Amino acid sequence: METLVKTALAATVFLATHAYANGHPEFDQYKTSDVILCESTGRVMYGFPLTLCLEESRPGKHVVRYQNRETGEITMKEEETFEYIRCSKAQDKCTDRDGNYRGKFSAPRDTYYAIFKDFYVHPGNDGKDYAYKTGTGPLFGGAAAASVAAQPAARLTATPTATGTYDVWCDPQGDSCEITIDGGDDMVSRERLPVYVPMASVTNNCTLEFCYNSSQDVIGLNPDYHLWKK
């Protein structure tokens, strides 16, 4: 689970003037649970315990597309899908770095929690802390969790076409690549392509990162591409 914090597993495209102007619609495509069990990492952050309330159904980072409504200019920015919040026993609440209320907790001392940006923390009926998706759970009239098992790791993969090829295209002037991941159109950086697309087994027709069949359809990644060798 900790790898979600350290590495970026996938990317998505979100078109807006402000990233969170209408809540967090950029996360709607992910099949993230409404309730996630918080688990201790055994590590500390700024002298306080660090607890993870994450699952690998969602990437650690994604690429957000911004469009200026006045000029039409489009810019891309890679952003994390999670954030660290601090929960204070003295204040009996959890807040993010902007001071926004993000729930309460049952841990015996001040603790940092890593949660997705559209989640908050609240104790369950079993005495453990959970992260709840905004709009659900006890802060929104729902029930507190009784018991939720840790979610198994989920791997986001490129969706092959009916012929076993892949719909993927990289900007020749930039670092971004458009790709179909789990049935949705996403955007990833070149260096992350091996997370989603397998290496090609036939390599007699390859250029840069991709190998092709006789119809010039992508059959996989070029195993000899220099980025993969770093």
Protein backbone atom coordinates (compact mmCIF):
# COMPACT_ATOMS: atom_id res chain seq x y z
CA MET A 1 0.00 0.00 0.00
CA GLU A 2 2.86 2.39 0.74
CA THR A 3 3.93 2.24 -2.88
CA LEU A 4 0.86 4.34 -3.67
CA VAL A 5 2.43 7.20 -1.76
CA LYS A 6 5.86 6.79 -3.33
CA THR A 7 5.02 6.12 -6.97
CA ALA A 8 2.53 7.27 -9.57
CA LEU A 9 0.52 4.38 -10.95
CA ALA A 10 -1.64 6.13 -13.52
CA ALA A 11 -2.88 9.45 -14.88
CA THR A 12 -6.15 11.05 -15.89
CA VAL A 13 -7.23 14.14 -17.79
CA PHE A 14 -9.43 16.81 -16.20
CA LEU A 15 -10.46 19.95 -18.09
CA ALA A 16 -11.22 22.98 -15.92
CA THR A 17 -10.20 26.52 -15.06
CA HIS A 18 -9.80 25.62 -11.40
CA ALA A 19 -8.83 22.11 -10.36
CA TYR A 20 -11.55 21.68 -7.74
CA ALA A 21 -14.12 24.27 -8.74
CA ASN A 22 -16.92 21.68 -8.68
CA GLY A 23 -15.75 19.32 -5.94
CA HIS A 24 -13.52 16.56 -7.26
CA PRO A 25 -15.01 15.30 -10.55
CA GLU A 26 -11.53 14.38 -11.75
CA PHE A 27 -11.68 11.37 -9.41
CA ASP A 28 -15.10 10.09 -10.52
CA GLN A 29 -13.68 7.60 -13.01
CA TYR A 30 -11.86 5.62 -10.33
CA LYS A 31 -13.62 2.74 -8.60
CA THR A 32 -12.46 3.84 -5.17
CA SER A 33 -14.32 2.48 -2.15
CA ASP A 34 -16.51 4.87 -0.17
CA VAL A 35 -14.81 3.72 3.05
CA ILE A 36 -11.12 2.91 3.46
CA LEU A 37 -9.52 1.45 6.59
CA CYS A 38 -6.64 3.53 7.96
CA GLU A 39 -3.48 1.53 8.62
CA SER A 40 -0.36 2.48 10.55
CA THR A 41 2.88 2.59 8.57
CA GLY A 42 5.18 2.35 11.59
CA ARG A 43 6.87 5.50 10.31
CA VAL A 44 6.78 9.09 11.51
CA MET A 45 6.21 12.40 9.75
CA TYR A 46 7.51 15.57 11.44
CA GLY A 47 7.79 13.59 14.65
CA PHE A 48 4.26 12.17 14.58
CA PRO A 49 2.98 8.75 13.47
CA LEU A 50 2.02 8.43 9.80
CA THR A 51 -1.12 6.47 8.94
CA LEU A 52 -2.29 5.59 5.44
CA CYS A 53 -5.98 5.66 4.47
CA LEU A 54 -5.49 4.78 0.80
CA GLU A 55 -6.13 1.96 -1.63
CA GLU A 56 -4.55 1.16 -4.98
CA SER A 57 -7.74 1.45 -7.01
CA ARG A 58 -6.62 5.02 -7.63
CA PRO A 59 -3.26 6.34 -8.87
CA GLY A 60 -0.94 8.26 -6.60
CA LYS A 61 -0.58 11.01 -9.19
CA HIS A 62 -2.40 12.16 -12.29
CA VAL A 63 -2.02 14.77 -14.98
CA VAL A 64 -4.54 17.61 -14.81
CA ARG A 65 -5.35 19.68 -17.87
CA TYR A 66 -6.17 23.33 -17.21
CA GLN A 67 -7.77 25.63 -19.76
CA ASN A 68 -7.82 29.40 -19.37
CA ARG A 69 -11.38 30.44 -20.23
CA GLU A 70 -10.27 33.86 -21.40
CA THR A 71 -7.34 32.91 -23.62
CA GLY A 72 -8.14 29.25 -24.33
CA GLU A 73 -4.56 28.35 -23.42
CA ILE A 74 -4.19 24.77 -22.16
CA THR A 75 -1.52 23.77 -19.67
CA MET A 76 -0.75 20.41 -18.08
CA LYS A 77 0.26 19.81 -14.48
CA GLU A 78 1.03 16.62 -12.61
CA GLU A 79 -0.67 16.52 -9.22
CA GLU A 80 -0.98 14.04 -6.39
CA THR A 81 -4.41 12.52 -5.77
CA PHE A 82 -3.81 12.30 -2.02
CA GLU A 83 -2.66 14.69 0.68
CA TYR A 84 -1.42 14.64 4.26
CA ILE A 85 -3.70 15.95 6.98
CA ARG A 86 -2.83 16.46 10.64
CA CYS A 87 -5.14 15.31 13.39
CA SER A 88 -4.71 17.05 16.75
CA LYS A 89 -5.84 15.66 20.12
CA ALA A 90 -5.86 19.14 21.69
CA GLN A 91 -8.15 20.49 18.96
CA ASP A 92 -10.06 17.22 18.59
CA LYS A 93 -10.10 17.52 14.82
CA CYS A 94 -8.21 16.92 11.60
CA THR A 95 -7.23 19.71 9.23
CA ASP A 96 -5.43 19.97 5.91
CA ARG A 97 -2.59 22.36 5.19
CA ASP A 98 -5.10 25.12 4.37
CA GLY A 99 -6.78 24.72 7.74
CA ASN A 100 -9.93 23.10 6.36
CA TYR A 101 -11.79 20.68 8.65
CA ARG A 102 -11.17 17.08 7.55
CA GLY A 103 -12.87 15.08 10.30
CA LYS A 104 -11.87 13.61 13.67
CA PHE A 105 -9.90 10.59 14.83
CA SER A 106 -9.46 8.07 17.64
CA ALA A 107 -5.67 7.59 17.69
CA PRO A 108 -4.13 8.17 21.14
CA ARG A 109 -1.85 11.01 19.98
CA ASP A 110 -1.48 13.57 17.22
CA THR A 111 -1.16 11.77 13.90
CA TYR A 112 -0.63 12.51 10.23
CA TYR A 113 -2.99 10.73 7.85
CA ALA A 114 -2.50 10.26 4.11
CA ILE A 115 -5.95 10.39 2.51
CA PHE A 116 -7.33 11.03 -0.97
CA LYS A 117 -8.21 14.68 -1.59
CA ASP A 118 -11.95 13.94 -1.72
CA PHE A 119 -11.97 12.03 1.59
CA TYR A 120 -12.11 12.84 5.31
CA VAL A 121 -11.27 10.86 8.48
CA HIS A 122 -13.71 9.62 11.14
CA PRO A 123 -13.66 6.80 13.71
CA GLY A 124 -15.62 3.65 12.98
CA ASN A 125 -17.82 1.73 15.39
CA ASP A 126 -14.98 -0.75 15.94
CA GLY A 127 -12.62 1.85 17.40
CA LYS A 128 -10.49 2.11 14.26
CA ASP A 129 -10.12 5.16 12.05
CA TYR A 130 -11.46 5.21 8.51
CA ALA A 131 -11.40 7.56 5.54
CA TYR A 132 -14.80 8.29 3.99
CA LYS A 133 -15.51 9.73 0.58
CA THR A 134 -16.93 13.24 0.84
CA GLY A 135 -20.72 13.06 0.67
CA THR A 136 -20.82 9.70 2.46
CA GLY A 137 -20.32 8.47 6.01
CA PRO A 138 -21.07 9.97 9.43
CA LEU A 139 -20.38 13.62 8.54
CA PHE A 140 -23.07 13.42 5.86
CA GLY A 141 -25.78 11.52 7.72
CA GLY A 142 -24.46 8.06 6.98
CA ALA A 143 -23.37 5.29 9.30
CA ALA A 144 -19.87 4.96 10.70
CA ALA A 145 -17.91 1.95 9.48
CA ALA A 146 -18.19 -1.26 11.49
CA SER A 147 -15.46 -3.23 9.78
CA VAL A 148 -13.80 -2.85 6.40
CA ALA A 149 -11.08 -5.14 5.16
CA ALA A 150 -8.00 -3.65 3.52
CA GLN A 151 -8.55 -3.48 -0.22
CA PRO A 152 -6.43 -5.72 -2.47
CA ALA A 153 -4.01 -4.05 -4.85
CA ALA A 154 -5.55 -3.21 -8.20
CA ARG A 155 -3.47 -2.77 -11.31
CA LEU A 156 -4.47 -0.20 -13.91
CA THR A 157 -3.65 -1.53 -17.36
CA ALA A 158 -3.97 -0.35 -20.92
CA THR A 159 -7.11 -1.68 -22.60
CA PRO A 160 -6.21 -3.78 -25.66
CA THR A 161 -8.29 -3.50 -28.81
CA ALA A 162 -10.13 -6.45 -30.31
CA THR A 163 -6.97 -7.31 -32.26
CA GLY A 164 -4.74 -7.15 -29.19
CA THR A 165 -3.13 -3.83 -30.06
CA TYR A 166 -3.19 -0.62 -28.02
CA ASP A 167 -4.61 2.85 -28.65
CA VAL A 168 -1.77 5.06 -27.49
CA TRP A 169 -0.19 8.20 -28.91
CA CYS A 170 2.61 10.39 -27.55
CA ASP A 171 3.06 14.08 -28.23
CA PRO A 172 6.20 14.37 -30.38
CA GLN A 173 6.88 17.81 -28.88
CA GLY A 174 6.15 16.94 -25.26
CA ASP A 175 6.22 14.29 -22.56
CA SER A 176 2.53 13.35 -22.43
CA CYS A 177 0.94 10.28 -24.01
CA GLU A 178 -2.76 9.66 -24.59
CA ILE A 179 -3.78 6.11 -23.80
CA THR A 180 -6.88 4.02 -23.11
CA ILE A 181 -6.60 2.66 -19.55
CA ASP A 182 -9.28 0.35 -18.18
CA GLY A 183 -11.65 1.58 -20.87
CA GLY A 184 -11.17 5.30 -20.23
CA ASP A 185 -9.07 7.89 -22.05
CA ASP A 186 -6.19 8.90 -19.82
CA MET A 187 -2.90 10.73 -20.11
CA VAL A 188 0.44 9.50 -18.78
CA SER A 189 4.04 10.57 -19.08
CA ARG A 190 6.39 8.61 -21.33
CA GLU A 191 8.41 7.24 -18.44
CA ARG A 192 5.28 5.66 -16.93
CA LEU A 193 4.19 3.76 -20.02
CA PRO A 194 5.70 0.45 -18.79
CA VAL A 195 3.29 0.53 -15.84
CA TYR A 196 0.35 0.03 -18.23
CA VAL A 197 1.60 -1.32 -21.55
CA PRO A 198 3.56 -4.60 -21.84
CA MET A 199 6.85 -4.93 -23.68
CA ALA A 200 6.45 -6.16 -27.25
CA SER A 201 7.54 -9.72 -27.95
CA VAL A 202 8.09 -8.95 -31.65
CA THR A 203 10.64 -6.19 -32.12
CA ASN A 204 11.40 -6.07 -35.83
CA ASN A 205 9.30 -2.92 -36.34
CA CYS A 206 9.98 -0.46 -33.51
CA THR A 207 10.55 3.28 -33.28
CA LEU A 208 11.33 5.07 -30.03
CA GLU A 209 8.95 3.77 -27.36
CA PHE A 210 6.63 1.60 -29.46
CA CYS A 211 6.70 -1.52 -31.60
CA TYR A 212 4.14 -2.04 -34.38
CA ASN A 213 2.54 -4.76 -36.47
CA SER A 214 2.34 -4.67 -40.26
CA SER A 215 -0.65 -2.31 -40.03
CA GLN A 216 1.35 0.10 -37.86
CA ASP A 217 -0.79 -0.59 -34.80
CA VAL A 218 0.97 -0.50 -31.43
CA ILE A 219 1.61 -4.05 -30.19
CA GLY A 220 3.64 -3.06 -27.13
CA LEU A 221 6.60 -1.08 -25.88
CA ASN A 222 10.06 -1.19 -27.42
CA PRO A 223 12.19 -3.12 -24.87
CA ASP A 224 15.27 -1.24 -26.05
CA TYR A 225 13.87 2.27 -25.58
CA HIS A 226 16.38 4.24 -23.53
CA LEU A 227 13.89 5.54 -20.94
CA TRP A 228 13.16 2.02 -19.68
CA LYS A 229 16.88 1.36 -19.14
CA LYS A 230 17.50 4.18 -16.68
